[in-house]
Amino acid sequence: MGNLVDETGEPIRVPSVEASENFFDVLGMQPMLGRGFPRDETLHGSDLEAVISHRLWQSRFSSDPFAIGRTVRLNGFVYTIVGVMPAGFHFPDATDLWQRLRWDMRRHSRGAHFMEAVARLQPGTTVERANAELATLTARLAAEF
């Protein structure tokens, strides 16, 4: 959850998450307006960017196509809106705002277990096989780190 403030009205609480640059690609979804997060060689974005849900775009920005490029303040930080997702997309849960991930994975501990991963199965791969491969990978990483 985040506190959203902009020039259109009173502050509101919005369900928000940080998402990596390939989050929408992995889910096979792209913004209907604007863009997602650009690829960045540093594994984390330096720009404070946000993609908003169709629902938030309608309710907060009156479906204005010029909402792209506007800024909003989320939890005290200024984000530029770069995209609007299609109607009905709210993953995970009831998310209305996706912030570009700013966590530098090379500088922080592997003990930071608060992040979640999302993946898509390759065609022909069963859930059982994927779970077995993940268990092997998890065991190897646990032994290494």
N, C-alpha and C. Protein backbone atom coordinates (compact mmCIF):
# COMPACT_ATOMS: atom_id res chain seq x y z
N MET A 1 0.85 -1.19 0.00
CA MET A 1 0.00 0.00 0.00
C MET A 1 0.88 1.24 0.00
N GLY A 2 0.38 2.24 -0.62
CA GLY A 2 1.11 3.50 -0.65
C GLY A 2 0.15 4.67 -0.55
N ASN A 3 0.69 5.79 -0.12
CA ASN A 3 -0.07 7.03 -0.05
C ASN A 3 0.20 7.82 -1.32
N LEU A 4 -0.83 8.02 -2.13
CA LEU A 4 -0.69 8.71 -3.41
C LEU A 4 -1.24 10.12 -3.30
N VAL A 5 -0.45 11.08 -3.74
CA VAL A 5 -0.87 12.48 -3.76
C VAL A 5 -0.54 13.03 -5.14
N ASP A 6 -1.48 13.76 -5.71
CA ASP A 6 -1.24 14.45 -6.97
C ASP A 6 -2.06 15.72 -7.01
N GLU A 7 -2.03 16.40 -8.16
CA GLU A 7 -2.74 17.68 -8.25
C GLU A 7 -4.24 17.51 -8.44
N THR A 8 -4.73 16.29 -8.60
CA THR A 8 -6.15 16.11 -8.92
C THR A 8 -7.07 16.02 -7.70
N GLY A 9 -6.52 15.86 -6.51
CA GLY A 9 -7.42 15.75 -5.38
C GLY A 9 -6.74 15.36 -4.09
N GLU A 10 -7.53 14.88 -3.17
CA GLU A 10 -7.06 14.49 -1.85
C GLU A 10 -6.17 13.25 -1.92
N PRO A 11 -5.28 13.10 -0.94
CA PRO A 11 -4.44 11.89 -0.89
C PRO A 11 -5.32 10.64 -0.76
N ILE A 12 -4.85 9.56 -1.39
CA ILE A 12 -5.56 8.28 -1.29
C ILE A 12 -4.55 7.17 -1.03
N ARG A 13 -5.05 6.06 -0.49
CA ARG A 13 -4.22 4.86 -0.31
C ARG A 13 -4.43 3.99 -1.55
N VAL A 14 -3.33 3.54 -2.15
CA VAL A 14 -3.43 2.67 -3.32
C VAL A 14 -2.60 1.41 -3.10
N PRO A 15 -3.13 0.27 -3.51
CA PRO A 15 -2.33 -0.95 -3.47
C PRO A 15 -1.20 -0.83 -4.49
N SER A 16 0.04 -0.94 -4.03
CA SER A 16 1.18 -0.76 -4.93
C SER A 16 2.25 -1.80 -4.63
N VAL A 17 3.04 -2.09 -5.65
CA VAL A 17 4.17 -3.02 -5.51
C VAL A 17 5.32 -2.49 -6.34
N GLU A 18 6.54 -2.91 -5.94
CA GLU A 18 7.70 -2.65 -6.78
C GLU A 18 7.81 -3.81 -7.76
N ALA A 19 8.13 -3.51 -9.01
CA ALA A 19 8.21 -4.55 -10.03
C ALA A 19 9.48 -4.36 -10.86
N SER A 20 10.06 -5.48 -11.24
CA SER A 20 11.26 -5.44 -12.08
C SER A 20 10.90 -5.04 -13.50
N GLU A 21 11.93 -4.74 -14.26
CA GLU A 21 11.73 -4.25 -15.62
C GLU A 21 11.05 -5.28 -16.53
N ASN A 22 11.18 -6.56 -16.23
CA ASN A 22 10.57 -7.57 -17.09
C ASN A 22 9.27 -8.14 -16.52
N PHE A 23 8.76 -7.56 -15.48
CA PHE A 23 7.54 -8.04 -14.81
C PHE A 23 6.38 -8.22 -15.78
N PHE A 24 6.07 -7.19 -16.54
CA PHE A 24 4.93 -7.26 -17.45
C PHE A 24 5.20 -8.23 -18.60
N ASP A 25 6.44 -8.29 -19.07
CA ASP A 25 6.81 -9.24 -20.13
C ASP A 25 6.58 -10.68 -19.68
N VAL A 26 7.02 -11.00 -18.46
CA VAL A 26 6.87 -12.36 -17.94
C VAL A 26 5.39 -12.74 -17.89
N LEU A 27 4.55 -11.81 -17.54
CA LEU A 27 3.12 -12.08 -17.44
C LEU A 27 2.42 -12.00 -18.79
N GLY A 28 3.17 -11.61 -19.84
CA GLY A 28 2.57 -11.51 -21.16
C GLY A 28 1.61 -10.35 -21.28
N MET A 29 1.82 -9.31 -20.50
CA MET A 29 0.95 -8.14 -20.50
C MET A 29 1.77 -6.88 -20.79
N GLN A 30 1.17 -5.98 -21.53
CA GLN A 30 1.81 -4.70 -21.81
C GLN A 30 0.81 -3.58 -21.53
N PRO A 31 1.31 -2.41 -21.18
CA PRO A 31 0.40 -1.28 -20.97
C PRO A 31 -0.42 -1.00 -22.23
N MET A 32 -1.65 -0.59 -22.04
CA MET A 32 -2.49 -0.20 -23.17
C MET A 32 -2.17 1.22 -23.60
N LEU A 33 -1.52 1.94 -22.72
CA LEU A 33 -1.15 3.32 -22.98
C LEU A 33 0.23 3.54 -22.39
N GLY A 34 1.11 4.17 -23.12
CA GLY A 34 2.46 4.40 -22.62
C GLY A 34 3.31 3.14 -22.74
N ARG A 35 4.15 2.90 -21.73
CA ARG A 35 5.09 1.79 -21.77
C ARG A 35 5.28 1.21 -20.38
N GLY A 36 6.01 0.10 -20.35
CA GLY A 36 6.41 -0.50 -19.08
C GLY A 36 7.75 0.09 -18.67
N PHE A 37 8.52 -0.67 -17.91
CA PHE A 37 9.80 -0.19 -17.42
C PHE A 37 10.92 -0.58 -18.38
N PRO A 38 11.82 0.34 -18.70
CA PRO A 38 12.89 0.03 -19.65
C PRO A 38 13.95 -0.89 -19.03
N ARG A 39 14.61 -1.63 -19.88
CA ARG A 39 15.72 -2.50 -19.42
C ARG A 39 16.85 -1.60 -18.95
N ASP A 40 17.50 -2.03 -17.88
CA ASP A 40 18.58 -1.25 -17.28
C ASP A 40 19.71 -2.20 -16.92
N GLU A 41 20.90 -1.93 -17.39
CA GLU A 41 22.04 -2.81 -17.15
C GLU A 41 22.39 -2.97 -15.68
N THR A 42 21.96 -2.07 -14.84
CA THR A 42 22.35 -2.11 -13.43
C THR A 42 21.45 -2.99 -12.58
N LEU A 43 20.47 -3.66 -13.16
CA LEU A 43 19.52 -4.54 -12.47
C LEU A 43 18.50 -3.78 -11.63
N HIS A 44 18.63 -2.51 -11.56
CA HIS A 44 17.64 -1.71 -10.82
C HIS A 44 17.49 -0.39 -11.53
N GLY A 45 16.31 0.15 -11.48
CA GLY A 45 16.07 1.42 -12.15
C GLY A 45 16.52 2.60 -11.32
N SER A 46 17.04 3.59 -11.99
CA SER A 46 17.41 4.81 -11.27
C SER A 46 16.29 5.84 -11.37
N ASP A 47 15.43 5.69 -12.37
CA ASP A 47 14.33 6.63 -12.53
C ASP A 47 13.14 6.19 -11.68
N LEU A 48 12.49 7.14 -11.07
CA LEU A 48 11.28 6.84 -10.29
C LEU A 48 10.10 6.86 -11.26
N GLU A 49 9.72 5.67 -11.70
CA GLU A 49 8.65 5.53 -12.69
C GLU A 49 7.55 4.63 -12.14
N ALA A 50 6.33 4.88 -12.62
CA ALA A 50 5.19 4.08 -12.18
C ALA A 50 4.28 3.78 -13.36
N VAL A 51 3.68 2.60 -13.31
CA VAL A 51 2.62 2.20 -14.23
C VAL A 51 1.36 2.09 -13.38
N ILE A 52 0.26 2.62 -13.88
CA ILE A 52 -0.97 2.61 -13.09
C ILE A 52 -2.01 1.68 -13.73
N SER A 53 -2.95 1.24 -12.92
CA SER A 53 -4.03 0.38 -13.42
C SER A 53 -5.04 1.22 -14.20
N HIS A 54 -5.79 0.52 -15.02
CA HIS A 54 -6.88 1.16 -15.77
C HIS A 54 -7.88 1.78 -14.79
N ARG A 55 -8.16 1.04 -13.72
CA ARG A 55 -9.11 1.51 -12.69
C ARG A 55 -8.64 2.83 -12.08
N LEU A 56 -7.35 2.93 -11.71
CA LEU A 56 -6.81 4.16 -11.13
C LEU A 56 -6.80 5.28 -12.17
N TRP A 57 -6.47 4.93 -13.40
CA TRP A 57 -6.46 5.91 -14.49
C TRP A 57 -7.85 6.51 -14.68
N GLN A 58 -8.88 5.67 -14.62
CA GLN A 58 -10.25 6.18 -14.76
C GLN A 58 -10.68 7.00 -13.56
N SER A 59 -10.44 6.47 -12.36
CA SER A 59 -10.97 7.13 -11.16
C SER A 59 -10.18 8.37 -10.77
N ARG A 60 -8.89 8.34 -10.96
CA ARG A 60 -8.06 9.46 -10.49
C ARG A 60 -7.74 10.46 -11.59
N PHE A 61 -7.64 9.97 -12.83
CA PHE A 61 -7.21 10.83 -13.94
C PHE A 61 -8.27 10.99 -15.02
N SER A 62 -9.51 10.56 -14.73
CA SER A 62 -10.64 10.72 -15.64
C SER A 62 -10.33 10.20 -17.04
N SER A 63 -9.56 9.10 -17.13
CA SER A 63 -9.18 8.46 -18.40
C SER A 63 -8.44 9.40 -19.35
N ASP A 64 -7.73 10.35 -18.79
CA ASP A 64 -7.00 11.33 -19.58
C ASP A 64 -5.76 10.68 -20.21
N PRO A 65 -5.67 10.63 -21.55
CA PRO A 65 -4.48 10.04 -22.19
C PRO A 65 -3.21 10.81 -21.86
N PHE A 66 -3.35 12.04 -21.42
CA PHE A 66 -2.18 12.84 -21.07
C PHE A 66 -1.74 12.61 -19.63
N ALA A 67 -2.30 11.58 -18.98
CA ALA A 67 -1.80 11.20 -17.65
C ALA A 67 -0.37 10.69 -17.77
N ILE A 68 -0.01 10.14 -18.93
CA ILE A 68 1.37 9.69 -19.16
C ILE A 68 2.27 10.92 -19.10
N GLY A 69 3.30 10.83 -18.29
CA GLY A 69 4.21 11.95 -18.11
C GLY A 69 3.91 12.80 -16.89
N ARG A 70 2.72 12.65 -16.34
CA ARG A 70 2.40 13.37 -15.10
C ARG A 70 3.17 12.77 -13.94
N THR A 71 3.30 13.54 -12.90
CA THR A 71 3.97 13.03 -11.71
C THR A 71 2.97 12.86 -10.58
N VAL A 72 3.26 11.88 -9.74
CA VAL A 72 2.50 11.65 -8.52
C VAL A 72 3.50 11.46 -7.40
N ARG A 73 3.07 11.75 -6.21
CA ARG A 73 3.91 11.52 -5.04
C ARG A 73 3.39 10.26 -4.36
N LEU A 74 4.28 9.27 -4.21
CA LEU A 74 3.92 8.03 -3.54
C LEU A 74 4.85 7.87 -2.35
N ASN A 75 4.27 7.87 -1.16
CA ASN A 75 5.04 7.75 0.08
C ASN A 75 6.18 8.76 0.13
N GLY A 76 5.92 9.96 -0.37
CA GLY A 76 6.90 11.03 -0.29
C GLY A 76 7.86 11.13 -1.45
N PHE A 77 7.87 10.16 -2.36
CA PHE A 77 8.76 10.19 -3.52
C PHE A 77 7.97 10.53 -4.76
N VAL A 78 8.57 11.32 -5.67
CA VAL A 78 7.89 11.74 -6.88
C VAL A 78 8.18 10.73 -8.00
N TYR A 79 7.11 10.16 -8.55
CA TYR A 79 7.17 9.18 -9.64
C TYR A 79 6.54 9.77 -10.89
N THR A 80 7.09 9.43 -12.03
CA THR A 80 6.50 9.80 -13.32
C THR A 80 5.67 8.62 -13.81
N ILE A 81 4.44 8.90 -14.19
CA ILE A 81 3.58 7.85 -14.75
C ILE A 81 4.05 7.59 -16.18
N VAL A 82 4.40 6.34 -16.47
CA VAL A 82 4.90 5.98 -17.80
C VAL A 82 3.95 5.05 -18.55
N GLY A 83 2.97 4.47 -17.86
CA GLY A 83 2.06 3.55 -18.54
C GLY A 83 0.76 3.34 -17.80
N VAL A 84 -0.24 2.85 -18.54
CA VAL A 84 -1.54 2.48 -17.99
C VAL A 84 -1.83 1.06 -18.47
N MET A 85 -2.12 0.17 -17.54
CA MET A 85 -2.40 -1.23 -17.87
C MET A 85 -3.83 -1.38 -18.39
N PRO A 86 -4.09 -2.46 -19.13
CA PRO A 86 -5.45 -2.70 -19.64
C PRO A 86 -6.44 -2.94 -18.50
N ALA A 87 -7.70 -2.71 -18.79
CA ALA A 87 -8.77 -2.94 -17.81
C ALA A 87 -8.71 -4.37 -17.31
N GLY A 88 -8.89 -4.55 -16.00
CA GLY A 88 -8.94 -5.87 -15.41
C GLY A 88 -7.61 -6.41 -14.93
N PHE A 89 -6.49 -5.78 -15.30
CA PHE A 89 -5.18 -6.27 -14.85
C PHE A 89 -4.84 -5.61 -13.52
N HIS A 90 -4.68 -6.42 -12.47
CA HIS A 90 -4.38 -5.91 -11.14
C HIS A 90 -3.41 -6.81 -10.39
N PHE A 91 -2.60 -7.58 -11.10
CA PHE A 91 -1.72 -8.56 -10.47
C PHE A 91 -0.53 -7.89 -9.81
N PRO A 92 -0.12 -8.30 -8.63
CA PRO A 92 -0.75 -9.28 -7.75
C PRO A 92 -1.88 -8.64 -6.94
N ASP A 93 -2.76 -9.48 -6.50
CA ASP A 93 -3.90 -9.06 -5.68
C ASP A 93 -4.71 -7.98 -6.40
N ALA A 94 -4.88 -6.84 -5.79
CA ALA A 94 -5.68 -5.76 -6.37
C ALA A 94 -4.81 -4.54 -6.64
N THR A 95 -3.60 -4.76 -7.13
CA THR A 95 -2.63 -3.68 -7.33
C THR A 95 -3.14 -2.63 -8.31
N ASP A 96 -2.92 -1.36 -7.96
CA ASP A 96 -3.29 -0.24 -8.82
C ASP A 96 -2.09 0.58 -9.27
N LEU A 97 -0.92 0.32 -8.70
CA LEU A 97 0.26 1.07 -9.09
C LEU A 97 1.49 0.18 -8.93
N TRP A 98 2.27 0.11 -10.01
CA TRP A 98 3.52 -0.66 -10.00
C TRP A 98 4.66 0.34 -10.07
N GLN A 99 5.52 0.29 -9.07
CA GLN A 99 6.69 1.17 -9.03
C GLN A 99 7.86 0.43 -9.65
N ARG A 100 8.67 1.13 -10.37
CA ARG A 100 9.86 0.50 -10.93
C ARG A 100 10.80 0.11 -9.78
N LEU A 101 11.22 -1.15 -9.79
CA LEU A 101 12.10 -1.67 -8.76
C LEU A 101 13.39 -0.87 -8.70
N ARG A 102 13.78 -0.46 -7.50
CA ARG A 102 15.00 0.32 -7.32
C ARG A 102 15.99 -0.42 -6.44
N TRP A 103 15.79 -1.67 -6.19
CA TRP A 103 16.65 -2.46 -5.31
C TRP A 103 17.85 -2.93 -6.10
N ASP A 104 19.04 -2.53 -5.69
CA ASP A 104 20.26 -2.96 -6.38
C ASP A 104 20.67 -4.31 -5.83
N MET A 105 20.40 -5.36 -6.60
CA MET A 105 20.64 -6.71 -6.14
C MET A 105 22.12 -7.02 -5.93
N ARG A 106 23.00 -6.25 -6.51
CA ARG A 106 24.43 -6.51 -6.36
C ARG A 106 24.98 -5.93 -5.06
N ARG A 107 24.26 -5.01 -4.45
CA ARG A 107 24.77 -4.34 -3.26
C ARG A 107 24.12 -4.81 -1.97
N HIS A 108 23.05 -5.56 -2.06
CA HIS A 108 22.32 -5.92 -0.86
C HIS A 108 22.39 -7.41 -0.57
N SER A 109 22.16 -7.74 0.64
CA SER A 109 22.28 -9.10 1.14
C SER A 109 21.33 -10.07 0.45
N ARG A 110 21.81 -11.28 0.25
CA ARG A 110 20.95 -12.35 -0.25
C ARG A 110 19.99 -12.80 0.84
N GLY A 111 20.15 -12.28 2.03
CA GLY A 111 19.26 -12.63 3.13
C GLY A 111 17.99 -11.80 3.14
N ALA A 112 17.80 -10.93 2.17
CA ALA A 112 16.60 -10.11 2.10
C ALA A 112 15.49 -10.95 1.46
N HIS A 113 14.76 -11.67 2.28
CA HIS A 113 13.78 -12.64 1.78
C HIS A 113 12.37 -12.08 1.66
N PHE A 114 12.25 -10.78 1.50
CA PHE A 114 10.92 -10.19 1.40
C PHE A 114 10.43 -10.11 -0.04
N MET A 115 11.29 -10.36 -1.01
CA MET A 115 10.90 -10.28 -2.41
C MET A 115 10.25 -11.59 -2.86
N GLU A 116 9.36 -11.46 -3.82
CA GLU A 116 8.71 -12.63 -4.40
C GLU A 116 9.05 -12.70 -5.88
N ALA A 117 9.08 -13.91 -6.40
CA ALA A 117 9.38 -14.11 -7.82
C ALA A 117 8.12 -14.57 -8.55
N VAL A 118 8.05 -14.19 -9.80
CA VAL A 118 6.97 -14.61 -10.69
C VAL A 118 7.64 -15.20 -11.92
N ALA A 119 7.13 -16.31 -12.40
CA ALA A 119 7.70 -16.95 -13.58
C ALA A 119 6.59 -17.52 -14.45
N ARG A 120 6.95 -17.80 -15.67
CA ARG A 120 6.01 -18.41 -16.60
C ARG A 120 6.63 -19.70 -17.09
N LEU A 121 5.83 -20.76 -17.14
CA LEU A 121 6.33 -22.04 -17.60
C LEU A 121 6.56 -22.04 -19.11
N GLN A 122 7.64 -22.67 -19.51
CA GLN A 122 7.91 -22.87 -20.92
C GLN A 122 6.87 -23.83 -21.48
N PRO A 123 6.45 -23.66 -22.72
CA PRO A 123 5.47 -24.61 -23.29
C PRO A 123 5.97 -26.05 -23.14
N GLY A 124 5.09 -26.93 -22.69
CA GLY A 124 5.43 -28.33 -22.52
C GLY A 124 6.02 -28.68 -21.16
N THR A 125 6.31 -27.69 -20.33
CA THR A 125 6.86 -27.94 -19.01
C THR A 125 5.73 -28.11 -18.01
N THR A 126 5.80 -29.17 -17.21
CA THR A 126 4.77 -29.39 -16.20
C THR A 126 5.11 -28.63 -14.93
N VAL A 127 4.10 -28.40 -14.12
CA VAL A 127 4.30 -27.75 -12.83
C VAL A 127 5.22 -28.60 -11.96
N GLU A 128 5.04 -29.90 -12.01
CA GLU A 128 5.88 -30.81 -11.21
C GLU A 128 7.36 -30.68 -11.59
N ARG A 129 7.64 -30.66 -12.89
CA ARG A 129 9.03 -30.52 -13.34
C ARG A 129 9.60 -29.17 -12.90
N ALA A 130 8.82 -28.11 -13.07
CA ALA A 130 9.29 -26.78 -12.66
C ALA A 130 9.57 -26.75 -11.16
N ASN A 131 8.68 -27.34 -10.35
CA ASN A 131 8.90 -27.38 -8.90
C ASN A 131 10.16 -28.16 -8.55
N ALA A 132 10.41 -29.25 -9.25
CA ALA A 132 11.62 -30.05 -9.00
C ALA A 132 12.87 -29.24 -9.34
N GLU A 133 12.84 -28.52 -10.46
CA GLU A 133 13.99 -27.69 -10.84
C GLU A 133 14.20 -26.55 -9.84
N LEU A 134 13.11 -25.96 -9.37
CA LEU A 134 13.23 -24.90 -8.37
C LEU A 134 13.80 -25.43 -7.06
N ALA A 135 13.40 -26.62 -6.66
CA ALA A 135 13.93 -27.23 -5.44
C ALA A 135 15.43 -27.45 -5.57
N THR A 136 15.88 -27.92 -6.72
CA THR A 136 17.31 -28.12 -6.97
C THR A 136 18.06 -26.79 -6.92
N LEU A 137 17.52 -25.78 -7.59
CA LEU A 137 18.14 -24.45 -7.60
C LEU A 137 18.20 -23.87 -6.19
N THR A 138 17.12 -23.99 -5.45
CA THR A 138 17.06 -23.47 -4.08
C THR A 138 18.11 -24.13 -3.20
N ALA A 139 18.24 -25.43 -3.31
CA ALA A 139 19.25 -26.16 -2.52
C ALA A 139 20.65 -25.72 -2.88
N ARG A 140 20.91 -25.54 -4.18
CA ARG A 140 22.24 -25.10 -4.60
C ARG A 140 22.55 -23.69 -4.08
N LEU A 141 21.58 -22.78 -4.19
CA LEU A 141 21.82 -21.42 -3.70
C LEU A 141 21.99 -21.39 -2.18
N ALA A 142 21.24 -22.22 -1.47
CA ALA A 142 21.38 -22.30 -0.02
C ALA A 142 22.78 -22.78 0.37
N ALA A 143 23.31 -23.74 -0.37
CA ALA A 143 24.65 -24.25 -0.10
C ALA A 143 25.72 -23.21 -0.43
N GLU A 144 25.52 -22.48 -1.51
CA GLU A 144 26.49 -21.45 -1.94
C GLU A 144 26.52 -20.25 -1.01
N PHE A 145 25.33 -19.84 -0.57
CA PHE A 145 25.25 -18.59 0.18
C PHE A 145 24.74 -18.82 1.58
